Protein backbone atom coordinates (compact mmCIF):
# COMPACT_ATOMS: atom_id res chain seq x y z
CA MET A 1 43.08 -77.03 -43.14
CA LYS A 2 41.14 -73.89 -42.37
CA VAL A 3 39.49 -70.98 -44.16
CA ILE A 4 39.25 -67.44 -42.97
CA ILE A 5 37.23 -64.94 -44.93
CA LEU A 6 37.91 -61.20 -44.20
CA ILE A 7 35.18 -58.79 -45.21
CA GLY A 8 34.57 -55.13 -44.44
CA PRO A 9 33.88 -51.84 -46.36
CA PRO A 10 36.43 -50.23 -48.61
CA GLY A 11 39.37 -48.87 -46.53
CA SER A 12 38.88 -51.05 -43.61
CA GLY A 13 42.42 -52.49 -44.00
CA LYS A 14 41.46 -55.95 -45.25
CA GLY A 15 44.53 -56.24 -47.44
CA THR A 16 46.95 -55.06 -44.72
CA GLN A 17 45.37 -57.38 -42.12
CA ALA A 18 45.43 -60.26 -44.62
CA GLU A 19 49.17 -59.92 -45.14
CA LEU A 20 49.86 -59.93 -41.36
CA LEU A 21 47.52 -62.73 -40.72
CA ALA A 22 48.77 -64.92 -43.58
CA GLU A 23 52.32 -64.60 -42.32
CA LYS A 24 51.46 -65.23 -38.75
CA LEU A 25 49.21 -68.19 -39.28
CA GLY A 26 50.84 -69.69 -42.37
CA LEU A 27 47.70 -69.17 -44.63
CA PHE A 28 47.59 -68.85 -48.34
CA TYR A 29 46.55 -65.26 -49.00
CA PHE A 30 43.94 -65.50 -51.77
CA GLU A 31 43.24 -61.96 -53.04
CA THR A 32 40.40 -62.07 -55.69
CA SER A 33 41.17 -58.60 -56.98
CA LYS A 34 44.69 -59.58 -58.00
CA ILE A 35 43.47 -62.70 -59.81
CA GLY A 36 40.76 -60.70 -61.63
CA GLU A 37 43.07 -57.72 -62.52
CA ALA A 38 45.64 -60.12 -63.95
CA LYS A 39 42.97 -61.79 -66.09
CA LEU A 40 41.71 -58.44 -67.26
CA LYS A 41 45.23 -57.08 -68.03
CA GLN A 42 45.92 -60.10 -70.15
CA ALA A 43 42.63 -60.03 -72.01
CA LYS A 44 42.60 -59.20 -75.67
CA LYS A 45 40.01 -57.19 -77.54
CA GLY A 46 36.80 -59.22 -77.71
CA ASP A 47 37.73 -61.74 -75.06
CA CYS A 48 35.08 -63.17 -72.94
CA VAL A 49 34.37 -65.97 -70.54
CA VAL A 50 31.55 -68.47 -71.10
CA ILE A 51 29.59 -69.67 -68.02
CA ASP A 52 26.61 -71.92 -68.26
CA GLY A 53 26.27 -71.00 -72.04
CA GLN A 54 26.33 -67.19 -71.36
CA LYS A 55 29.08 -64.96 -72.52
CA TYR A 56 30.62 -62.20 -70.32
CA SER A 57 32.76 -59.52 -71.90
CA LEU A 58 36.06 -58.88 -70.11
CA ALA A 59 36.22 -55.39 -71.54
CA GLN A 60 32.85 -54.68 -69.83
CA GLU A 61 34.26 -56.12 -66.52
CA LYS A 62 37.15 -53.67 -66.79
CA LYS A 63 34.62 -50.80 -67.29
CA LEU A 64 32.69 -51.82 -64.10
CA SER A 65 35.95 -51.64 -61.98
CA GLU A 66 36.88 -48.28 -63.39
CA LYS A 67 33.46 -46.88 -62.08
CA GLY A 68 33.77 -48.46 -58.76
CA ILE A 69 31.16 -51.14 -59.37
CA LEU A 70 31.73 -54.86 -58.40
CA TRP A 71 32.60 -57.25 -61.10
CA THR A 72 29.71 -59.50 -62.37
CA PRO A 73 29.17 -62.16 -59.55
CA ALA A 74 29.05 -65.03 -61.99
CA VAL A 75 32.50 -64.16 -63.39
CA VAL A 76 34.07 -63.67 -60.00
CA ALA A 77 32.67 -66.90 -58.73
CA PHE A 78 33.86 -68.75 -61.81
CA TRP A 79 37.41 -67.55 -61.38
CA VAL A 80 37.43 -68.13 -57.65
CA LYS A 81 36.08 -71.60 -57.65
CA GLN A 82 38.67 -72.84 -60.19
CA GLU A 83 41.46 -71.46 -57.80
CA ILE A 84 39.99 -72.77 -54.53
CA GLU A 85 39.71 -76.35 -55.93
CA LYS A 86 43.37 -76.28 -56.89
CA LEU A 87 44.56 -74.91 -53.51
CA ALA A 88 42.47 -77.33 -51.54
CA ASN A 89 43.83 -80.21 -53.49
CA GLN A 90 47.32 -78.95 -52.51
CA GLY A 91 46.28 -79.03 -48.81
CA LYS A 92 46.40 -75.23 -48.48
CA SER A 93 44.62 -73.38 -45.68
CA LEU A 94 43.07 -70.19 -47.18
CA LEU A 95 42.69 -66.54 -46.31
CA LEU A 96 40.07 -65.08 -48.60
CA VAL A 97 39.76 -61.31 -49.35
CA GLY A 98 37.61 -59.79 -52.07
CA SER A 99 35.26 -62.71 -52.41
CA PRO A 100 32.58 -63.55 -51.70
CA ARG A 101 31.36 -59.90 -52.04
CA THR A 102 27.76 -60.66 -53.16
CA LEU A 103 24.97 -62.97 -52.31
CA TYR A 104 25.38 -64.79 -55.47
CA GLU A 105 29.10 -65.44 -54.82
CA GLY A 106 28.37 -66.56 -51.39
CA LYS A 107 25.86 -69.15 -52.59
CA GLU A 108 28.30 -70.38 -55.10
CA LEU A 109 31.46 -70.39 -52.98
CA ILE A 110 30.26 -71.37 -49.50
CA PRO A 111 28.92 -74.89 -50.45
CA LEU A 112 32.18 -75.55 -52.29
CA LEU A 113 34.25 -74.51 -49.27
CA LYS A 114 32.08 -76.65 -46.98
CA LYS A 115 32.67 -79.51 -49.24
CA LEU A 116 36.47 -79.18 -49.39
CA TYR A 117 37.03 -78.05 -45.80
CA ASP A 118 35.58 -78.86 -42.45
CA PRO A 119 32.71 -76.36 -41.89
CA LYS A 120 33.95 -75.96 -38.28
CA ASN A 121 37.25 -74.60 -39.60
CA ILE A 122 35.51 -71.86 -41.78
CA GLN A 123 35.59 -68.51 -39.97
CA ILE A 124 34.24 -65.04 -41.09
CA ILE A 125 36.02 -61.81 -39.78
CA LEU A 126 34.03 -58.60 -40.26
CA ILE A 127 36.19 -55.48 -39.98
CA LYS A 128 33.81 -52.54 -39.07
CA LEU A 129 34.43 -49.01 -40.27
CA SER A 130 32.09 -45.96 -40.22
CA LYS A 131 30.94 -44.40 -43.49
CA GLU A 132 32.83 -41.26 -42.66
CA GLN A 133 36.16 -43.07 -41.98
CA THR A 134 35.64 -45.11 -45.21
CA ILE A 135 35.54 -41.98 -47.32
CA TRP A 136 38.25 -40.20 -45.55
CA ARG A 137 40.68 -43.03 -45.69
CA ASN A 138 40.08 -43.93 -49.34
CA THR A 139 40.13 -40.40 -50.61
CA ARG A 140 43.58 -39.94 -49.04
CA ARG A 141 45.25 -43.27 -49.58
CA ARG A 142 47.84 -44.14 -52.16
CA THR A 143 48.69 -47.50 -53.76
CA CYS A 144 51.93 -49.03 -54.99
CA SER A 145 52.05 -49.06 -58.89
CA GLU A 146 53.60 -52.47 -58.84
CA CYS A 147 52.57 -54.65 -55.91
CA ARG A 148 49.33 -52.74 -55.26
CA ARG A 149 50.14 -52.26 -51.43
CA PRO A 150 47.71 -49.69 -50.12
CA ILE A 151 49.31 -46.83 -48.13
CA PHE A 152 46.82 -45.18 -45.78
CA PRO A 153 47.36 -41.58 -44.43
CA SER A 154 49.32 -41.28 -41.20
CA GLU A 155 52.23 -39.31 -39.76
CA GLU A 156 54.52 -42.27 -40.70
CA THR A 157 53.33 -42.38 -44.44
CA LYS A 158 52.61 -38.75 -45.33
CA LYS A 159 56.16 -38.17 -46.75
CA LEU A 160 56.45 -41.51 -48.51
CA THR A 161 56.91 -41.38 -52.29
CA GLN A 162 57.91 -45.01 -52.77
CA CYS A 163 56.35 -48.26 -51.69
CA PRO A 164 58.08 -49.44 -48.47
CA LYS A 165 57.68 -53.01 -49.63
CA CYS A 166 59.02 -52.98 -53.15
CA GLY A 167 60.28 -49.46 -53.75
CA ALA A 168 57.90 -48.69 -56.65
CA LYS A 169 56.08 -45.40 -57.19
CA LEU A 170 53.07 -44.62 -55.07
CA VAL A 171 49.99 -43.44 -57.03
CA VAL A 172 46.44 -42.40 -56.50
CA ARG A 173 44.09 -45.05 -57.99
CA GLU A 174 41.28 -43.89 -60.30
CA ASP A 175 38.69 -45.65 -58.25
CA ASP A 176 39.94 -43.92 -55.06
CA LYS A 177 38.37 -40.56 -56.15
CA LYS A 178 35.43 -39.39 -53.89
CA GLU A 179 32.70 -40.07 -56.45
CA ASN A 180 33.95 -43.66 -56.90
CA ILE A 181 34.27 -44.22 -53.19
CA LYS A 182 30.64 -43.31 -52.69
CA VAL A 183 29.70 -45.82 -55.41
CA ARG A 184 31.91 -48.52 -53.85
CA LEU A 185 30.42 -47.91 -50.37
CA LYS A 186 26.88 -48.04 -51.78
CA GLU A 187 27.84 -51.39 -53.48
CA TYR A 188 29.12 -52.73 -50.00
CA GLU A 189 25.95 -51.64 -48.18
CA GLU A 190 23.64 -53.08 -50.80
CA ARG A 191 25.45 -56.11 -52.18
CA THR A 192 28.06 -57.27 -49.45
CA LYS A 193 26.26 -56.65 -46.20
CA PRO A 194 23.39 -59.12 -47.13
CA LEU A 195 26.11 -61.94 -47.02
CA ILE A 196 26.32 -61.60 -43.23
CA GLU A 197 22.75 -63.05 -42.72
CA TYR A 198 23.51 -65.77 -45.25
CA PHE A 199 26.72 -66.71 -43.33
CA LYS A 200 24.63 -67.08 -40.21
CA GLU A 201 22.01 -69.26 -42.03
CA GLU A 202 24.92 -71.47 -43.09
CA GLY A 203 25.99 -71.95 -39.45
CA LEU A 204 29.22 -70.18 -40.05
CA LYS A 205 31.17 -68.40 -37.14
CA ILE A 206 31.25 -64.56 -37.65
CA LYS A 207 33.41 -62.42 -35.48
CA GLU A 208 33.35 -58.58 -35.52
CA VAL A 209 36.54 -56.46 -35.18
CA GLU A 210 36.55 -52.70 -34.77
CA GLY A 211 38.55 -51.23 -37.75
CA GLU A 212 38.87 -47.57 -36.42
CA GLN A 213 41.94 -48.53 -34.52
CA SER A 214 45.83 -48.76 -35.34
CA ILE A 215 46.88 -51.55 -37.65
CA GLU A 216 48.52 -53.30 -34.65
CA ASP A 217 45.41 -53.11 -32.46
CA VAL A 218 43.21 -54.55 -35.26
CA HIS A 219 45.72 -57.28 -35.91
CA LYS A 220 45.80 -58.12 -32.16
CA ASP A 221 41.98 -58.29 -32.05
CA ILE A 222 41.80 -60.49 -35.17
CA LEU A 223 44.29 -62.97 -33.70
CA GLU A 224 42.24 -63.11 -30.45
CA VAL A 225 38.96 -64.00 -32.29
CA VAL A 226 40.51 -66.66 -34.63
CA GLY A 227 41.90 -68.52 -31.61
C-alpha cells in the first residue's frame, strides 16, 4: 500500500491531477473538502463536534469557508483520521488532496500514516504555481454545481455551460472571487508552506512539479516522479 499527498496553491490543478493519478495508479482519491462539505451540508443548527473536550461549531466552520479561510485544523484532522483508519484497514492505497494543509494537521496525520503505511511508500508532490497565475486561474474558473469539478479557462472550455463529466450547470463559486482568492493564497503561504519543512524533518520524499504547464504535461511529470 502507498500514500501520495498532493499539495499546492489554490488553482494549481490538484483536483484534476488527483483524478488522473487515481485512475492511472488505482489509488483511492481522498478529497478532504468533499468530506468536510458533506458534513457541513448535513449539519443542523447548533451542531458541533467535540474534540478532547472542546466544542467546535459546524456553523462557524461554514463561515470560515465562505470567507476563504481554512477550516479549524483540529476539526479537519478529526474527520480525516477517522476516514484514513477505515481505508487503511480495507487495504486501500491513498491519494490525499486537501489535508494536511496546516502544520497542526501534518503533526496529527503524518504519524498516523507512518503507523498504518510503510514510511518509504509515502510521497509528497508539490505542484508549483506563481501568485499571479493563482489569482488569474481562480478568478476565471467555474465549478460544476453537482460534482464540483473545476473548469479552468482555456480555448476548449470557454464556451462550456455544462460540466463535461456529469452535465450539471457550471457556476462561479463564492470563494473564487478575487478578494477571497487573495485570502486563500495568504492562508497557503502562511499555513500550508511550513508543512514542507515538517515533511523533510519526518524524512518523507518531496518532489516538485511545475504547475504552469498543460494538464497533460503536469500529469506526465507527476507520473515520472512517483515512479
